[in-house]
Amino acid sequence: MLDIEYVGNPGKACALACYTMTAKYFFPEETSFEKIAKVSDWQPGYVVWAFKFWLWIMNKGIKITNYEVLDYEGWAKDNIQNASSYLSEYSREYTKDPESLA
């Protein structure tokens, strides 16, 4: 097991808690939940998407070699109005601005 400080899930922010723990592993002195929330553009009460966090961590020199497979290209082609075939009901309901993801 890696020695990573546990970060709890405040509401619907389980992914954000995971991003914070990942960032703390690589950058412990400069990482806080609040900083990663800002980097990820998280809004309390809504789910957070990985795009902005991935860009932030990759710009710091971390390579991401294993990631969730989702048909983002098909999603972009179909536009956000047809996102129901790509997102769970929970993700649709708790995404603050779905149009910003297209």
PDB file of N, CA and C in Angstrom:
ATOM      1  N   MET A   1       0.832  -1.181   0.000  1.00  0.00           N
ATOM      2  CA  MET A   1       0.000   0.000   0.000  1.00  0.00           C
ATOM      3  C   MET A   1       0.881   1.251   0.000  1.00  0.00           C
ATOM      4  N   LEU A   2       0.460   2.214  -0.768  1.00  0.00           N
ATOM      5  CA  LEU A   2       1.151   3.497  -0.759  1.00  0.00           C
ATOM      6  C   LEU A   2       0.720   4.295   0.459  1.00  0.00           C
ATOM      7  N   ASP A   3       1.618   5.099   0.966  1.00  0.00           N
ATOM      8  CA  ASP A   3       1.292   5.929   2.119  1.00  0.00           C
ATOM      9  C   ASP A   3       0.730   7.257   1.624  1.00  0.00           C
ATOM     10  N   ILE A   4      -0.583   7.270   1.399  1.00  0.00           N
ATOM     11  CA  ILE A   4      -1.254   8.461   0.888  1.00  0.00           C
ATOM     12  C   ILE A   4      -2.268   8.913   1.926  1.00  0.00           C
ATOM     13  N   GLU A   5      -2.220  10.188   2.270  1.00  0.00           N
ATOM     14  CA  GLU A   5      -3.161  10.742   3.229  1.00  0.00           C
ATOM     15  C   GLU A   5      -4.589  10.630   2.690  1.00  0.00           C
ATOM     16  N   TYR A   6      -5.494  10.110   3.529  1.00  0.00           N
ATOM     17  CA  TYR A   6      -6.887   9.953   3.128  1.00  0.00           C
ATOM     18  C   TYR A   6      -7.583  11.317   3.101  1.00  0.00           C
ATOM     19  N   VAL A   7      -8.371  11.536   2.065  1.00  0.00           N
ATOM     20  CA  VAL A   7      -9.207  12.731   1.953  1.00  0.00           C
ATOM     21  C   VAL A   7     -10.644  12.241   1.841  1.00  0.00           C
ATOM     22  N   GLY A   8     -11.512  12.700   2.727  1.00  0.00           N
ATOM     23  CA  GLY A   8     -12.906  12.275   2.740  1.00  0.00           C
ATOM     24  C   GLY A   8     -13.708  12.886   1.608  1.00  0.00           C
ATOM     25  N   ASN A   9     -14.923  12.395   1.467  1.00  0.00           N
ATOM     26  CA  ASN A   9     -15.823  12.829   0.402  1.00  0.00           C
ATOM     27  C   ASN A   9     -16.841  13.819   0.956  1.00  0.00           C
ATOM     28  N   PRO A  10     -16.648  15.113   0.689  1.00  0.00           N
ATOM     29  CA  PRO A  10     -17.634  16.086   1.161  1.00  0.00           C
ATOM     30  C   PRO A  10     -18.805  16.201   0.187  1.00  0.00           C
ATOM     31  N   GLY A  11     -19.825  15.398   0.381  1.00  0.00           N
ATOM     32  CA  GLY A  11     -20.988  15.467  -0.516  1.00  0.00           C
ATOM     33  C   GLY A  11     -20.773  14.655  -1.769  1.00  0.00           C
ATOM     34  N   LYS A  12     -20.978  15.275  -2.907  1.00  0.00           N
ATOM     35  CA  LYS A  12     -20.872  14.580  -4.192  1.00  0.00           C
ATOM     36  C   LYS A  12     -19.481  14.734  -4.807  1.00  0.00           C
ATOM     37  N   ALA A  13     -18.454  14.794  -3.976  1.00  0.00           N
ATOM     38  CA  ALA A  13     -17.105  15.088  -4.468  1.00  0.00           C
ATOM     39  C   ALA A  13     -16.149  13.908  -4.313  1.00  0.00           C
ATOM     40  N   CYS A  14     -16.644  12.681  -4.508  1.00  0.00           N
ATOM     41  CA  CYS A  14     -15.765  11.527  -4.331  1.00  0.00           C
ATOM     42  C   CYS A  14     -14.622  11.541  -5.348  1.00  0.00           C
ATOM     43  N   ALA A  15     -14.898  11.929  -6.581  1.00  0.00           N
ATOM     44  CA  ALA A  15     -13.825  12.008  -7.582  1.00  0.00           C
ATOM     45  C   ALA A  15     -12.812  13.076  -7.195  1.00  0.00           C
ATOM     46  N   LEU A  16     -13.294  14.200  -6.701  1.00  0.00           N
ATOM     47  CA  LEU A  16     -12.399  15.279  -6.287  1.00  0.00           C
ATOM     48  C   LEU A  16     -11.519  14.832  -5.120  1.00  0.00           C
ATOM     49  N   ALA A  17     -12.079  14.060  -4.196  1.00  0.00           N
ATOM     50  CA  ALA A  17     -11.275  13.517  -3.096  1.00  0.00           C
ATOM     51  C   ALA A  17     -10.178  12.611  -3.655  1.00  0.00           C
ATOM     52  N   CYS A  18     -10.503  11.806  -4.661  1.00  0.00           N
ATOM     53  CA  CYS A  18      -9.503  10.933  -5.295  1.00  0.00           C
ATOM     54  C   CYS A  18      -8.426  11.749  -6.003  1.00  0.00           C
ATOM     55  N   TYR A  19      -8.829  12.794  -6.719  1.00  0.00           N
ATOM     56  CA  TYR A  19      -7.849  13.652  -7.399  1.00  0.00           C
ATOM     57  C   TYR A  19      -6.920  14.289  -6.374  1.00  0.00           C
ATOM     58  N   THR A  20      -7.487  14.723  -5.240  1.00  0.00           N
ATOM     59  CA  THR A  20      -6.674  15.355  -4.206  1.00  0.00           C
ATOM     60  C   THR A  20      -5.667  14.366  -3.630  1.00  0.00           C
ATOM     61  N   MET A  21      -6.098  13.131  -3.367  1.00  0.00           N
ATOM     62  CA  MET A  21      -5.171  12.119  -2.841  1.00  0.00           C
ATOM     63  C   MET A  21      -4.073  11.826  -3.856  1.00  0.00           C
ATOM     64  N   THR A  22      -4.429  11.763  -5.134  1.00  0.00           N
ATOM     65  CA  THR A  22      -3.422  11.533  -6.173  1.00  0.00           C
ATOM     66  C   THR A  22      -2.419  12.672  -6.201  1.00  0.00           C
ATOM     67  N   ALA A  23      -2.901  13.897  -6.199  1.00  0.00           N
ATOM     68  CA  ALA A  23      -2.008  15.065  -6.234  1.00  0.00           C
ATOM     69  C   ALA A  23      -1.145  15.128  -4.978  1.00  0.00           C
ATOM     70  N   LYS A  24      -1.700  14.771  -3.818  1.00  0.00           N
ATOM     71  CA  LYS A  24      -0.935  14.785  -2.567  1.00  0.00           C
ATOM     72  C   LYS A  24       0.211  13.778  -2.617  1.00  0.00           C
ATOM     73  N   TYR A  25       0.012  12.673  -3.311  1.00  0.00           N
ATOM     74  CA  TYR A  25       1.084  11.679  -3.442  1.00  0.00           C
ATOM     75  C   TYR A  25       2.271  12.273  -4.185  1.00  0.00           C
ATOM     76  N   PHE A  26       2.007  12.980  -5.275  1.00  0.00           N
ATOM     77  CA  PHE A  26       3.076  13.542  -6.085  1.00  0.00           C
ATOM     78  C   PHE A  26       3.579  14.884  -5.572  1.00  0.00           C
ATOM     79  N   PHE A  27       2.697  15.690  -5.042  1.00  0.00           N
ATOM     80  CA  PHE A  27       3.037  17.068  -4.637  1.00  0.00           C
ATOM     81  C   PHE A  27       2.479  17.359  -3.240  1.00  0.00           C
ATOM     82  N   PRO A  28       2.955  16.675  -2.196  1.00  0.00           N
ATOM     83  CA  PRO A  28       2.336  16.800  -0.871  1.00  0.00           C
ATOM     84  C   PRO A  28       2.380  18.204  -0.276  1.00  0.00           C
ATOM     85  N   GLU A  29       3.435  18.935  -0.522  1.00  0.00           N
ATOM     86  CA  GLU A  29       3.574  20.253   0.095  1.00  0.00           C
ATOM     87  C   GLU A  29       2.674  21.303  -0.537  1.00  0.00           C
ATOM     88  N   GLU A  30       2.292  21.122  -1.773  1.00  0.00           N
ATOM     89  CA  GLU A  30       1.534  22.168  -2.472  1.00  0.00           C
ATOM     90  C   GLU A  30       0.105  21.766  -2.810  1.00  0.00           C
ATOM     91  N   THR A  31      -0.391  20.701  -2.180  1.00  0.00           N
ATOM     92  CA  THR A  31      -1.722  20.211  -2.523  1.00  0.00           C
ATOM     93  C   THR A  31      -2.664  20.294  -1.332  1.00  0.00           C
ATOM     94  N   SER A  32      -3.862  20.784  -1.595  1.00  0.00           N
ATOM     95  CA  SER A  32      -4.948  20.764  -0.615  1.00  0.00           C
ATOM     96  C   SER A  32      -6.237  20.468  -1.378  1.00  0.00           C
ATOM     97  N   PHE A  33      -7.259  20.038  -0.661  1.00  0.00           N
ATOM     98  CA  PHE A  33      -8.558  19.791  -1.278  1.00  0.00           C
ATOM     99  C   PHE A  33      -9.047  21.061  -1.972  1.00  0.00           C
ATOM    100  N   GLU A  34      -8.888  22.194  -1.292  1.00  0.00           N
ATOM    101  CA  GLU A  34      -9.361  23.469  -1.832  1.00  0.00           C
ATOM    102  C   GLU A  34      -8.642  23.830  -3.130  1.00  0.00           C
ATOM    103  N   LYS A  35      -7.328  23.568  -3.188  1.00  0.00           N
ATOM    104  CA  LYS A  35      -6.574  23.881  -4.406  1.00  0.00           C
ATOM    105  C   LYS A  35      -7.036  22.999  -5.564  1.00  0.00           C
ATOM    106  N   ILE A  36      -7.204  21.717  -5.314  1.00  0.00           N
ATOM    107  CA  ILE A  36      -7.626  20.809  -6.386  1.00  0.00           C
ATOM    108  C   ILE A  36      -9.071  21.107  -6.787  1.00  0.00           C
ATOM    109  N   ALA A  37      -9.907  21.523  -5.843  1.00  0.00           N
ATOM    110  CA  ALA A  37     -11.275  21.938  -6.178  1.00  0.00           C
ATOM    111  C   ALA A  37     -11.241  23.128  -7.134  1.00  0.00           C
ATOM    112  N   LYS A  38     -10.349  24.072  -6.870  1.00  0.00           N
ATOM    113  CA  LYS A  38     -10.222  25.249  -7.749  1.00  0.00           C
ATOM    114  C   LYS A  38      -9.667  24.851  -9.116  1.00  0.00           C
ATOM    115  N   VAL A  39      -8.630  24.027  -9.124  1.00  0.00           N
ATOM    116  CA  VAL A  39      -8.040  23.546 -10.386  1.00  0.00           C
ATOM    117  C   VAL A  39      -9.105  22.853 -11.228  1.00  0.00           C
ATOM    118  N   SER A  40      -9.962  22.067 -10.569  1.00  0.00           N
ATOM    119  CA  SER A  40     -10.980  21.263 -11.262  1.00  0.00           C
ATOM    120  C   SER A  40     -12.265  22.023 -11.533  1.00  0.00           C
ATOM    121  N   ASP A  41     -12.352  23.256 -11.073  1.00  0.00           N
ATOM    122  CA  ASP A  41     -13.538  24.089 -11.249  1.00  0.00           C
ATOM    123  C   ASP A  41     -14.779  23.429 -10.640  1.00  0.00           C
ATOM    124  N   TRP A  42     -14.604  22.864  -9.439  1.00  0.00           N
ATOM    125  CA  TRP A  42     -15.690  22.173  -8.747  1.00  0.00           C
ATOM    126  C   TRP A  42     -16.659  23.154  -8.135  1.00  0.00           C
ATOM    127  N   GLN A  43     -17.937  22.840  -8.239  1.00  0.00           N
ATOM    128  CA  GLN A  43     -19.011  23.596  -7.598  1.00  0.00           C
ATOM    129  C   GLN A  43     -19.653  22.685  -6.558  1.00  0.00           C
ATOM    130  N   PRO A  44     -19.682  23.066  -5.273  1.00  0.00           N
ATOM    131  CA  PRO A  44     -20.270  22.202  -4.248  1.00  0.00           C
ATOM    132  C   PRO A  44     -21.688  21.760  -4.628  1.00  0.00           C
ATOM    133  N   GLY A  45     -21.955  20.478  -4.396  1.00  0.00           N
ATOM    134  CA  GLY A  45     -23.253  19.924  -4.723  1.00  0.00           C
ATOM    135  C   GLY A  45     -23.316  19.275  -6.093  1.00  0.00           C
ATOM    136  N   TYR A  46     -22.247  19.400  -6.864  1.00  0.00           N
ATOM    137  CA  TYR A  46     -22.208  18.840  -8.218  1.00  0.00           C
ATOM    138  C   TYR A  46     -21.023  17.894  -8.365  1.00  0.00           C
ATOM    139  N   VAL A  47     -21.106  16.983  -9.330  1.00  0.00           N
ATOM    140  CA  VAL A  47     -19.967  16.113  -9.615  1.00  0.00           C
ATOM    141  C   VAL A  47     -18.868  16.949 -10.270  1.00  0.00           C
ATOM    142  N   VAL A  48     -17.659  16.454 -10.192  1.00  0.00           N
ATOM    143  CA  VAL A  48     -16.533  17.133 -10.826  1.00  0.00           C
ATOM    144  C   VAL A  48     -16.017  16.231 -11.939  1.00  0.00           C
ATOM    145  N   TRP A  49     -15.635  16.845 -13.039  1.00  0.00           N
ATOM    146  CA  TRP A  49     -15.107  16.098 -14.177  1.00  0.00           C
ATOM    147  C   TRP A  49     -13.582  16.177 -14.178  1.00  0.00           C
ATOM    148  N   ALA A  50     -12.951  15.160 -14.742  1.00  0.00           N
ATOM    149  CA  ALA A  50     -11.505  15.001 -14.643  1.00  0.00           C
ATOM    150  C   ALA A  50     -10.696  15.875 -15.591  1.00  0.00           C
ATOM    151  N   PHE A  51     -11.284  16.425 -16.633  1.00  0.00           N
ATOM    152  CA  PHE A  51     -10.511  17.076 -17.682  1.00  0.00           C
ATOM    153  C   PHE A  51      -9.525  18.115 -17.162  1.00  0.00           C
ATOM    154  N   LYS A  52      -9.998  19.056 -16.384  1.00  0.00           N
ATOM    155  CA  LYS A  52      -9.130  20.142 -15.920  1.00  0.00           C
ATOM    156  C   LYS A  52      -8.064  19.627 -14.962  1.00  0.00           C
ATOM    157  N   PHE A  53      -8.399  18.650 -14.115  1.00  0.00           N
ATOM    158  CA  PHE A  53      -7.395  18.064 -13.225  1.00  0.00           C
ATOM    159  C   PHE A  53      -6.327  17.337 -14.040  1.00  0.00           C
ATOM    160  N   TRP A  54      -6.745  16.563 -15.041  1.00  0.00           N
ATOM    161  CA  TRP A  54      -5.771  15.856 -15.881  1.00  0.00           C
ATOM    162  C   TRP A  54      -4.807  16.843 -16.524  1.00  0.00           C
ATOM    163  N   LEU A  55      -5.336  17.901 -17.075  1.00  0.00           N
ATOM    164  CA  LEU A  55      -4.457  18.897 -17.701  1.00  0.00           C
ATOM    165  C   LEU A  55      -3.481  19.484 -16.691  1.00  0.00           C
ATOM    166  N   TRP A  56      -3.963  19.814 -15.505  1.00  0.00           N
ATOM    167  CA  TRP A  56      -3.119  20.388 -14.461  1.00  0.00           C
ATOM    168  C   TRP A  56      -1.994  19.436 -14.077  1.00  0.00           C
ATOM    169  N   ILE A  57      -2.346  18.169 -13.829  1.00  0.00           N
ATOM    170  CA  ILE A  57      -1.332  17.220 -13.374  1.00  0.00           C
ATOM    171  C   ILE A  57      -0.364  16.852 -14.508  1.00  0.00           C
ATOM    172  N   MET A  58      -0.863  16.793 -15.747  1.00  0.00           N
ATOM    173  CA  MET A  58       0.037  16.515 -16.875  1.00  0.00           C
ATOM    174  C   MET A  58       0.981  17.694 -17.116  1.00  0.00           C
ATOM    175  N   ASN A  59       0.499  18.915 -16.927  1.00  0.00           N
ATOM    176  CA  ASN A  59       1.365  20.083 -17.068  1.00  0.00           C
ATOM    177  C   ASN A  59       2.439  20.133 -15.989  1.00  0.00           C
ATOM    178  N   LYS A  60       2.273  19.357 -14.930  1.00  0.00           N
ATOM    179  CA  LYS A  60       3.274  19.261 -13.876  1.00  0.00           C
ATOM    180  C   LYS A  60       4.226  18.091 -14.139  1.00  0.00           C
ATOM    181  N   GLY A  61       4.063  17.415 -15.279  1.00  0.00           N
ATOM    182  CA  GLY A  61       5.000  16.369 -15.682  1.00  0.00           C
ATOM    183  C   GLY A  61       4.575  14.945 -15.378  1.00  0.00           C
ATOM    184  N   ILE A  62       3.339  14.735 -14.933  1.00  0.00           N
ATOM    185  CA  ILE A  62       2.853  13.384 -14.631  1.00  0.00           C
ATOM    186  C   ILE A  62       2.176  12.829 -15.880  1.00  0.00           C
ATOM    187  N   LYS A  63       2.559  11.611 -16.264  1.00  0.00           N
ATOM    188  CA  LYS A  63       1.929  10.950 -17.409  1.00  0.00           C
ATOM    189  C   LYS A  63       0.751  10.112 -16.935  1.00  0.00           C
ATOM    190  N   ILE A  64      -0.335  10.166 -17.668  1.00  0.00           N
ATOM    191  CA  ILE A  64      -1.496   9.328 -17.387  1.00  0.00           C
ATOM    192  C   ILE A  64      -1.522   8.250 -18.460  1.00  0.00           C
ATOM    193  N   THR A  65      -1.333   6.993 -18.031  1.00  0.00           N
ATOM    194  CA  THR A  65      -1.247   5.906 -18.992  1.00  0.00           C
ATOM    195  C   THR A  65      -2.451   4.978 -18.940  1.00  0.00           C
ATOM    196  N   ASN A  66      -3.267   5.088 -17.902  1.00  0.00           N
ATOM    197  CA  ASN A  66      -4.445   4.245 -17.775  1.00  0.00           C
ATOM    198  C   ASN A  66      -5.607   5.155 -17.394  1.00  0.00           C
ATOM    199  N   TYR A  67      -6.664   5.148 -18.163  1.00  0.00           N
ATOM    200  CA  TYR A  67      -7.770   6.060 -17.920  1.00  0.00           C
ATOM    201  C   TYR A  67      -9.075   5.400 -18.315  1.00  0.00           C
ATOM    202  N   GLU A  68     -10.156   5.987 -17.826  1.00  0.00           N
ATOM    203  CA  GLU A  68     -11.489   5.484 -18.124  1.00  0.00           C
ATOM    204  C   GLU A  68     -11.755   5.600 -19.623  1.00  0.00           C
ATOM    205  N   VAL A  69     -12.357   4.584 -20.183  1.00  0.00           N
ATOM    206  CA  VAL A  69     -12.680   4.598 -21.605  1.00  0.00           C
ATOM    207  C   VAL A  69     -14.125   5.076 -21.761  1.00  0.00           C
ATOM    208  N   LEU A  70     -14.273   6.199 -22.390  1.00  0.00           N
ATOM    209  CA  LEU A  70     -15.579   6.770 -22.683  1.00  0.00           C
ATOM    210  C   LEU A  70     -15.483   7.335 -24.094  1.00  0.00           C
ATOM    211  N   ASP A  71     -16.505   7.211 -24.840  1.00  0.00           N
ATOM    212  CA  ASP A  71     -16.463   7.665 -26.230  1.00  0.00           C
ATOM    213  C   ASP A  71     -16.614   9.185 -26.301  1.00  0.00           C
ATOM    214  N   TYR A  72     -15.568   9.919 -25.904  1.00  0.00           N
ATOM    215  CA  TYR A  72     -15.616  11.376 -25.918  1.00  0.00           C
ATOM    216  C   TYR A  72     -15.754  11.922 -27.335  1.00  0.00           C
ATOM    217  N   GLU A  73     -15.133  11.257 -28.301  1.00  0.00           N
ATOM    218  CA  GLU A  73     -15.243  11.718 -29.684  1.00  0.00           C
ATOM    219  C   GLU A  73     -16.695  11.612 -30.165  1.00  0.00           C
ATOM    220  N   GLY A  74     -17.340  10.476 -29.881  1.00  0.00           N
ATOM    221  CA  GLY A  74     -18.741  10.319 -30.252  1.00  0.00           C
ATOM    222  C   GLY A  74     -19.627  11.295 -29.515  1.00  0.00           C
ATOM    223  N   TRP A  75     -19.303  11.539 -28.258  1.00  0.00           N
ATOM    224  CA  TRP A  75     -20.052  12.493 -27.447  1.00  0.00           C
ATOM    225  C   TRP A  75     -19.955  13.887 -28.060  1.00  0.00           C
ATOM    226  N   ALA A  76     -18.773  14.284 -28.460  1.00  0.00           N
ATOM    227  CA  ALA A  76     -18.576  15.605 -29.072  1.00  0.00           C
ATOM    228  C   ALA A  76     -19.327  15.700 -30.403  1.00  0.00           C
ATOM    229  N   LYS A  77     -19.287  14.636 -31.196  1.00  0.00           N
ATOM    230  CA  LYS A  77     -19.978  14.650 -32.488  1.00  0.00           C
ATOM    231  C   LYS A  77     -21.493  14.743 -32.307  1.00  0.00           C
ATOM    232  N   ASP A  78     -22.016  14.035 -31.314  1.00  0.00           N
ATOM    233  CA  ASP A  78     -23.459  14.011 -31.090  1.00  0.00           C
ATOM    234  C   ASP A  78     -23.962  15.234 -30.344  1.00  0.00           C
ATOM    235  N   ASN A  79     -23.046  15.994 -29.804  1.00  0.00           N
ATOM    236  CA  ASN A  79     -23.336  17.187 -29.006  1.00  0.00           C
ATOM    237  C   ASN A  79     -23.907  16.776 -27.648  1.00  0.00           C
ATOM    238  N   ILE A  80     -23.890  17.687 -26.751  1.00  0.00           N
ATOM    239  CA  ILE A  80     -24.287  17.421 -25.372  1.00  0.00           C
ATOM    240  C   ILE A  80     -25.754  17.046 -25.239  1.00  0.00           C
ATOM    241  N   GLN A  81     -26.596  17.447 -26.188  1.00  0.00           N
ATOM    242  CA  GLN A  81     -28.016  17.130 -26.102  1.00  0.00           C
ATOM    243  C   GLN A  81     -28.261  15.623 -26.131  1.00  0.00           C
ATOM    244  N   ASN A  82     -27.362  14.868 -26.728  1.00  0.00           N
ATOM    245  CA  ASN A  82     -27.515  13.422 -26.786  1.00  0.00           C
ATOM    246  C   ASN A  82     -26.620  12.721 -25.772  1.00  0.00           C
ATOM    247  N   ALA A  83     -26.222  13.436 -24.732  1.00  0.00           N
ATOM    248  CA  ALA A  83     -25.303  12.881 -23.744  1.00  0.00           C
ATOM    249  C   ALA A  83     -25.894  11.716 -22.968  1.00  0.00           C
ATOM    250  N   SER A  84     -27.197  11.535 -23.008  1.00  0.00           N
ATOM    251  CA  SER A  84     -27.815  10.463 -22.226  1.00  0.00           C
ATOM    252  C   SER A  84     -27.230   9.102 -22.560  1.00  0.00           C
ATOM    253  N   SER A  85     -26.763   8.920 -23.770  1.00  0.00           N
ATOM    254  CA  SER A  85     -26.180   7.627 -24.115  1.00  0.00           C
ATOM    255  C   SER A  85     -24.747   7.502 -23.604  1.00  0.00           C
ATOM    256  N   TYR A  86     -24.169   8.589 -23.096  1.00  0.00           N
ATOM    257  CA  TYR A  86     -22.794   8.574 -22.621  1.00  0.00           C
ATOM    258  C   TYR A  86     -22.672   8.765 -21.116  1.00  0.00           C
ATOM    259  N   LEU A  87     -23.648   9.413 -20.496  1.00  0.00           N
ATOM    260  CA  LEU A  87     -23.584   9.723 -19.075  1.00  0.00           C
ATOM    261  C   LEU A  87     -24.637   8.960 -18.292  1.00  0.00           C
ATOM    262  N   SER A  88     -24.308   8.656 -17.053  1.00  0.00           N
ATOM    263  CA  SER A  88     -25.312   8.053 -16.182  1.00  0.00           C
ATOM    264  C   SER A  88     -26.336   9.117 -15.798  1.00  0.00           C
ATOM    265  N   GLU A  89     -27.488   8.672 -15.334  1.00  0.00           N
ATOM    266  CA  GLU A  89     -28.516   9.623 -14.894  1.00  0.00           C
ATOM    267  C   GLU A  89     -27.982  10.508 -13.773  1.00  0.00           C
ATOM    268  N   TYR A  90     -27.240   9.909 -12.865  1.00  0.00           N
ATOM    269  CA  TYR A  90     -26.646  10.663 -11.753  1.00  0.00           C
ATOM    270  C   TYR A  90     -25.724  11.764 -12.272  1.00  0.00           C
ATOM    271  N   SER A  91     -24.856  11.427 -13.232  1.00  0.00           N
ATOM    272  CA  SER A  91     -23.919  12.414 -13.787  1.00  0.00           C
ATOM    273  C   SER A  91     -24.651  13.544 -14.492  1.00  0.00           C
ATOM    274  N   ARG A  92     -25.715  13.225 -15.227  1.00  0.00           N
ATOM    275  CA  ARG A  92     -26.485  14.269 -15.902  1.00  0.00           C
ATOM    276  C   ARG A  92     -27.138  15.202 -14.889  1.00  0.00           C
ATOM    277  N   GLU A  93     -27.725  14.605 -13.842  1.00  0.00           N
ATOM    278  CA  GLU A  93     -28.447  15.403 -12.853  1.00  0.00           C
ATOM    279  C   GLU A  93     -27.522  16.312 -12.049  1.00  0.00           C
ATOM    280  N   TYR A  94     -26.324  15.836 -11.738  1.00  0.00           N
ATOM    281  CA  TYR A  94     -25.435  16.594 -10.862  1.00  0.00           C
ATOM    282  C   TYR A  94     -24.236  17.222 -11.566  1.00  0.00           C
ATOM    283  N   THR A  95     -24.315  17.435 -12.864  1.00  0.00           N
ATOM    284  CA  THR A  95     -23.301  18.206 -13.576  1.00  0.00           C
ATOM    285  C   THR A  95     -23.829  19.621 -13.683  1.00  0.00           C
ATOM    286  N   LYS A  96     -23.070  20.578 -13.154  1.00  0.00           N
ATOM    287  CA  LYS A  96     -23.540  21.959 -13.071  1.00  0.00           C
ATOM    288  C   LYS A  96     -23.809  22.559 -14.457  1.00  0.00           C
ATOM    289  N   ASP A  97     -22.872  22.379 -15.379  1.00  0.00           N
ATOM    290  CA  ASP A  97     -22.992  22.988 -16.698  1.00  0.00           C
ATOM    291  C   ASP A  97     -22.611  21.957 -17.763  1.00  0.00           C
ATOM    292  N   PRO A  98     -23.508  21.023 -18.095  1.00  0.00           N
ATOM    293  CA  PRO A  98     -23.149  19.958 -19.042  1.00  0.00           C
ATOM    294  C   PRO A  98     -22.662  20.482 -20.391  1.00  0.00           C
ATOM    295  N   GLU A  99     -23.181  21.626 -20.821  1.00  0.00           N
ATOM    296  CA  GLU A  99     -22.772  22.161 -22.115  1.00  0.00           C
ATOM    297  C   GLU A  99     -21.270  22.497 -22.144  1.00  0.00           C
ATOM    298  N   SER A 100     -20.708  22.799 -20.992  1.00  0.00           N
ATOM    299  CA  SER A 100     -19.289  23.152 -20.946  1.00  0.00           C
ATOM    300  C   SER A 100     -18.392  21.959 -21.200  1.00  0.00           C
ATOM    301  N   LEU A 101     -18.943  20.754 -21.151  1.00  0.00           N
ATOM    302  CA  LEU A 101     -18.151  19.547 -21.357  1.00  0.00           C
ATOM    303  C   LEU A 101     -18.031  19.156 -22.817  1.00  0.00           C
ATOM    304  N   ALA A 102     -18.857  19.730 -23.656  1.00  0.00           N
ATOM    305  CA  ALA A 102     -18.863  19.355 -25.075  1.00  0.00           C
ATOM    306  C   ALA A 102     -17.652  19.936 -25.798  1.00  0.00           C
TER     307      ALA A 102
END
